[in-house]
């Protein structure tokens, strides 16, 4: 191992796949997801990725850019990005 690799900081990130029980409250589920991103920011995570999902209640983030805008209000250092944007759903 060279000196550069040994001194490079370790960075962590995560992909939020918003799977939720069908019987759950969607508002509370989204709040919990936002709290997760906020916690990751406080813990020093470098990045959070959110996918776009349309699954009739199971996956409830249909507009990741709106979710990430709400997450940006609650965070200060973490980088936010979309893991997936399903362009066919946005053709009009």
N, C-alpha and C. Protein backbone atom coordinates (compact mmCIF):
# COMPACT_ATOMS: atom_id res chain seq x y z
N UNK A 1 0.85 -1.17 0.00
CA UNK A 1 0.00 0.00 0.00
C UNK A 1 0.90 1.24 0.00
N UNK A 2 0.58 2.20 -0.87
CA UNK A 2 1.39 3.41 -0.90
C UNK A 2 0.90 4.42 0.13
N UNK A 3 1.68 5.47 0.37
CA UNK A 3 1.34 6.46 1.40
C UNK A 3 0.05 7.21 1.08
N UNK A 4 -0.23 7.44 -0.20
CA UNK A 4 -1.44 8.17 -0.59
C UNK A 4 -2.69 7.39 -0.20
N UNK A 5 -2.72 6.10 -0.49
CA UNK A 5 -3.87 5.28 -0.15
C UNK A 5 -4.04 5.17 1.36
N UNK A 6 -2.95 5.09 2.09
CA UNK A 6 -3.03 4.95 3.54
C UNK A 6 -3.54 6.23 4.20
N UNK A 7 -3.28 7.38 3.60
CA UNK A 7 -3.68 8.65 4.23
C UNK A 7 -5.01 9.18 3.70
N UNK A 8 -5.56 8.55 2.68
CA UNK A 8 -6.83 9.02 2.12
C UNK A 8 -7.97 8.78 3.12
N UNK A 9 -8.82 9.78 3.31
CA UNK A 9 -9.93 9.58 4.25
C UNK A 9 -10.96 8.59 3.71
N UNK A 10 -11.57 7.89 4.61
CA UNK A 10 -12.64 6.98 4.23
C UNK A 10 -13.94 7.76 4.19
N UNK A 11 -14.66 7.65 3.10
CA UNK A 11 -15.93 8.34 2.95
C UNK A 11 -17.03 7.31 2.80
N UNK A 12 -18.16 7.60 3.41
CA UNK A 12 -19.29 6.69 3.33
C UNK A 12 -20.48 7.41 2.73
N UNK A 13 -21.26 6.67 1.99
CA UNK A 13 -22.51 7.16 1.43
C UNK A 13 -23.52 6.04 1.44
N UNK A 14 -24.75 6.36 1.06
CA UNK A 14 -25.76 5.31 1.01
C UNK A 14 -26.81 5.66 -0.04
N UNK A 15 -27.47 4.61 -0.51
CA UNK A 15 -28.59 4.74 -1.44
C UNK A 15 -29.85 4.42 -0.66
N UNK A 16 -30.78 5.35 -0.68
CA UNK A 16 -32.05 5.16 0.02
C UNK A 16 -33.06 4.57 -0.94
N UNK A 17 -33.30 3.28 -0.78
CA UNK A 17 -34.37 2.62 -1.54
C UNK A 17 -35.61 2.70 -0.66
N UNK A 18 -36.54 3.54 -1.00
CA UNK A 18 -37.65 3.84 -0.09
C UNK A 18 -38.73 2.77 -0.05
N UNK A 19 -38.35 1.60 0.42
CA UNK A 19 -39.32 0.52 0.58
C UNK A 19 -40.04 0.68 1.91
N UNK A 20 -41.35 0.64 1.88
CA UNK A 20 -42.14 0.81 3.08
C UNK A 20 -43.30 -0.19 3.09
N UNK A 21 -43.76 -0.54 4.28
CA UNK A 21 -44.92 -1.42 4.35
C UNK A 21 -46.16 -0.74 3.77
N UNK A 22 -46.96 -1.50 3.09
CA UNK A 22 -48.18 -0.94 2.48
C UNK A 22 -49.16 -0.43 3.53
N UNK A 23 -49.07 -0.92 4.74
CA UNK A 23 -50.01 -0.52 5.79
C UNK A 23 -49.54 0.72 6.54
N UNK A 24 -48.36 1.25 6.22
CA UNK A 24 -47.81 2.40 6.93
C UNK A 24 -48.40 3.71 6.46
N UNK A 25 -48.22 4.73 7.27
CA UNK A 25 -48.65 6.09 6.95
C UNK A 25 -47.59 6.73 6.05
N UNK A 26 -47.93 7.10 4.81
CA UNK A 26 -46.93 7.64 3.88
C UNK A 26 -46.26 8.91 4.40
N UNK A 27 -47.00 9.77 5.09
CA UNK A 27 -46.41 11.00 5.62
C UNK A 27 -45.34 10.67 6.65
N UNK A 28 -45.64 9.76 7.55
CA UNK A 28 -44.67 9.37 8.56
C UNK A 28 -43.47 8.65 7.94
N UNK A 29 -43.71 7.88 6.89
CA UNK A 29 -42.62 7.18 6.22
C UNK A 29 -41.66 8.16 5.56
N UNK A 30 -42.20 9.18 4.91
CA UNK A 30 -41.34 10.19 4.29
C UNK A 30 -40.58 10.98 5.35
N UNK A 31 -41.24 11.30 6.47
CA UNK A 31 -40.56 12.00 7.56
C UNK A 31 -39.41 11.16 8.10
N UNK A 32 -39.62 9.86 8.24
CA UNK A 32 -38.58 8.97 8.72
C UNK A 32 -37.41 8.92 7.73
N UNK A 33 -37.71 8.89 6.44
CA UNK A 33 -36.64 8.90 5.44
C UNK A 33 -35.84 10.20 5.50
N UNK A 34 -36.53 11.33 5.68
CA UNK A 34 -35.83 12.61 5.82
C UNK A 34 -34.98 12.65 7.08
N UNK A 35 -35.48 12.09 8.16
CA UNK A 35 -34.71 12.01 9.40
C UNK A 35 -33.47 11.13 9.22
N UNK A 36 -33.58 10.08 8.41
CA UNK A 36 -32.44 9.21 8.14
C UNK A 36 -31.34 9.98 7.42
N UNK A 37 -31.70 10.78 6.42
CA UNK A 37 -30.71 11.58 5.70
C UNK A 37 -30.08 12.61 6.64
N UNK A 38 -30.90 13.22 7.48
CA UNK A 38 -30.39 14.19 8.45
C UNK A 38 -29.43 13.54 9.44
N UNK A 39 -29.76 12.35 9.91
CA UNK A 39 -28.88 11.63 10.82
C UNK A 39 -27.56 11.29 10.13
N UNK A 40 -27.62 10.84 8.89
CA UNK A 40 -26.41 10.52 8.14
C UNK A 40 -25.52 11.75 8.01
N UNK A 41 -26.12 12.91 7.80
CA UNK A 41 -25.36 14.16 7.73
C UNK A 41 -24.65 14.43 9.06
N UNK A 42 -25.37 14.28 10.16
CA UNK A 42 -24.77 14.53 11.48
C UNK A 42 -23.67 13.51 11.80
N UNK A 43 -23.79 12.30 11.28
CA UNK A 43 -22.79 11.26 11.52
C UNK A 43 -21.58 11.39 10.60
N UNK A 44 -21.62 12.31 9.65
CA UNK A 44 -20.48 12.54 8.79
C UNK A 44 -20.48 11.78 7.47
N UNK A 45 -21.61 11.22 7.09
CA UNK A 45 -21.68 10.57 5.77
C UNK A 45 -21.42 11.61 4.69
N UNK A 46 -20.76 11.18 3.62
CA UNK A 46 -20.38 12.10 2.55
C UNK A 46 -21.51 12.31 1.55
N UNK A 47 -22.33 11.29 1.32
CA UNK A 47 -23.36 11.43 0.29
C UNK A 47 -24.55 10.53 0.55
N UNK A 48 -25.68 10.96 0.01
CA UNK A 48 -26.93 10.19 0.07
C UNK A 48 -27.57 10.23 -1.31
N UNK A 49 -27.97 9.08 -1.78
CA UNK A 49 -28.60 8.95 -3.09
C UNK A 49 -30.03 8.44 -2.89
N UNK A 50 -30.94 8.99 -3.68
CA UNK A 50 -32.35 8.61 -3.58
C UNK A 50 -32.84 8.24 -4.96
N UNK A 51 -33.53 7.12 -5.04
CA UNK A 51 -34.08 6.67 -6.31
C UNK A 51 -35.51 7.12 -6.49
N UNK A 52 -35.93 7.14 -7.73
CA UNK A 52 -37.32 7.46 -8.07
C UNK A 52 -38.09 6.15 -8.20
N UNK A 53 -39.19 6.06 -7.49
CA UNK A 53 -39.95 4.81 -7.48
C UNK A 53 -41.44 5.09 -7.58
N UNK A 54 -42.12 4.30 -8.37
CA UNK A 54 -43.58 4.38 -8.53
C UNK A 54 -44.13 2.98 -8.33
N UNK A 55 -44.46 2.63 -7.13
CA UNK A 55 -44.86 1.25 -6.86
C UNK A 55 -46.14 1.15 -6.04
N UNK A 56 -47.08 2.01 -6.29
CA UNK A 56 -48.41 1.91 -5.68
C UNK A 56 -48.36 1.78 -4.16
N UNK A 57 -47.57 2.61 -3.52
CA UNK A 57 -47.56 2.63 -2.07
C UNK A 57 -46.37 1.98 -1.41
N UNK A 58 -45.74 1.02 -2.06
CA UNK A 58 -44.59 0.33 -1.46
C UNK A 58 -43.35 1.23 -1.48
N UNK A 59 -43.11 1.85 -2.60
CA UNK A 59 -41.99 2.78 -2.76
C UNK A 59 -42.60 4.14 -3.07
N UNK A 60 -42.41 5.11 -2.18
CA UNK A 60 -43.25 6.30 -2.26
C UNK A 60 -42.52 7.59 -2.65
N UNK A 61 -41.30 7.51 -3.15
CA UNK A 61 -40.63 8.73 -3.60
C UNK A 61 -40.76 8.79 -5.12
N UNK A 62 -41.77 9.49 -5.57
CA UNK A 62 -42.03 9.60 -7.01
C UNK A 62 -41.28 10.78 -7.63
N UNK A 63 -40.80 11.71 -6.81
CA UNK A 63 -40.05 12.86 -7.30
C UNK A 63 -38.84 13.07 -6.40
N UNK A 64 -37.72 12.40 -6.71
CA UNK A 64 -36.56 12.49 -5.82
C UNK A 64 -36.03 13.91 -5.66
N UNK A 65 -36.18 14.75 -6.70
CA UNK A 65 -35.66 16.11 -6.57
C UNK A 65 -36.43 16.91 -5.52
N UNK A 66 -37.71 16.63 -5.36
CA UNK A 66 -38.51 17.30 -4.32
C UNK A 66 -38.10 16.76 -2.95
N UNK A 67 -37.93 15.45 -2.84
CA UNK A 67 -37.48 14.85 -1.59
C UNK A 67 -36.11 15.42 -1.20
N UNK A 68 -35.19 15.51 -2.17
CA UNK A 68 -33.85 16.01 -1.88
C UNK A 68 -33.87 17.49 -1.52
N UNK A 69 -34.80 18.26 -2.07
CA UNK A 69 -34.93 19.67 -1.67
C UNK A 69 -35.33 19.76 -0.20
N UNK A 70 -36.25 18.89 0.23
CA UNK A 70 -36.64 18.86 1.64
C UNK A 70 -35.47 18.39 2.51
N UNK A 71 -34.70 17.43 2.02
CA UNK A 71 -33.54 16.94 2.78
C UNK A 71 -32.47 18.03 2.88
N UNK A 72 -32.32 18.83 1.83
CA UNK A 72 -31.31 19.90 1.85
C UNK A 72 -31.62 20.95 2.91
N UNK A 73 -32.91 21.15 3.21
CA UNK A 73 -33.28 22.08 4.27
C UNK A 73 -32.82 21.58 5.63
N UNK A 74 -32.67 20.28 5.78
CA UNK A 74 -32.38 19.67 7.08
C UNK A 74 -30.92 19.27 7.27
N UNK A 75 -30.10 19.47 6.24
CA UNK A 75 -28.71 19.02 6.29
C UNK A 75 -27.77 20.18 5.98
N UNK A 76 -26.48 19.96 6.25
CA UNK A 76 -25.53 21.04 5.99
C UNK A 76 -24.29 20.61 5.21
N UNK A 77 -23.88 19.34 5.32
CA UNK A 77 -22.63 18.93 4.68
C UNK A 77 -22.79 17.80 3.66
N UNK A 78 -23.75 16.95 3.83
CA UNK A 78 -23.88 15.77 2.99
C UNK A 78 -24.24 16.15 1.56
N UNK A 79 -23.66 15.47 0.61
CA UNK A 79 -24.02 15.68 -0.80
C UNK A 79 -25.22 14.82 -1.13
N UNK A 80 -26.16 15.39 -1.85
CA UNK A 80 -27.41 14.70 -2.18
C UNK A 80 -27.51 14.50 -3.68
N UNK A 81 -28.00 13.34 -4.07
CA UNK A 81 -28.14 13.07 -5.50
C UNK A 81 -29.24 12.07 -5.78
N UNK A 82 -29.69 12.07 -7.03
CA UNK A 82 -30.70 11.10 -7.45
C UNK A 82 -29.99 9.88 -8.02
N UNK A 83 -30.40 8.72 -7.56
CA UNK A 83 -29.84 7.49 -8.08
C UNK A 83 -30.52 7.07 -9.37
N UNK A 84 -31.79 7.44 -9.50
CA UNK A 84 -32.58 7.07 -10.67
C UNK A 84 -33.57 8.18 -10.95
N UNK A 85 -33.71 8.54 -12.20
CA UNK A 85 -34.81 9.38 -12.69
C UNK A 85 -35.41 8.63 -13.87
N UNK A 86 -36.67 8.26 -13.74
CA UNK A 86 -37.34 7.50 -14.79
C UNK A 86 -37.95 8.48 -15.79
N UNK A 87 -37.20 8.81 -16.83
CA UNK A 87 -37.63 9.82 -17.79
C UNK A 87 -38.95 9.51 -18.48
N UNK A 88 -39.28 8.25 -18.79
CA UNK A 88 -40.58 8.01 -19.44
C UNK A 88 -41.78 8.49 -18.61
N UNK A 89 -41.62 8.57 -17.30
CA UNK A 89 -42.73 9.04 -16.45
C UNK A 89 -42.89 10.57 -16.51
N UNK A 90 -41.93 11.26 -17.12
CA UNK A 90 -41.93 12.73 -17.13
C UNK A 90 -41.97 13.28 -18.55
N UNK A 91 -42.63 12.61 -19.45
CA UNK A 91 -42.59 13.01 -20.86
C UNK A 91 -43.57 14.14 -21.16
N UNK A 92 -44.43 14.49 -20.24
CA UNK A 92 -45.41 15.56 -20.50
C UNK A 92 -45.32 16.65 -19.50
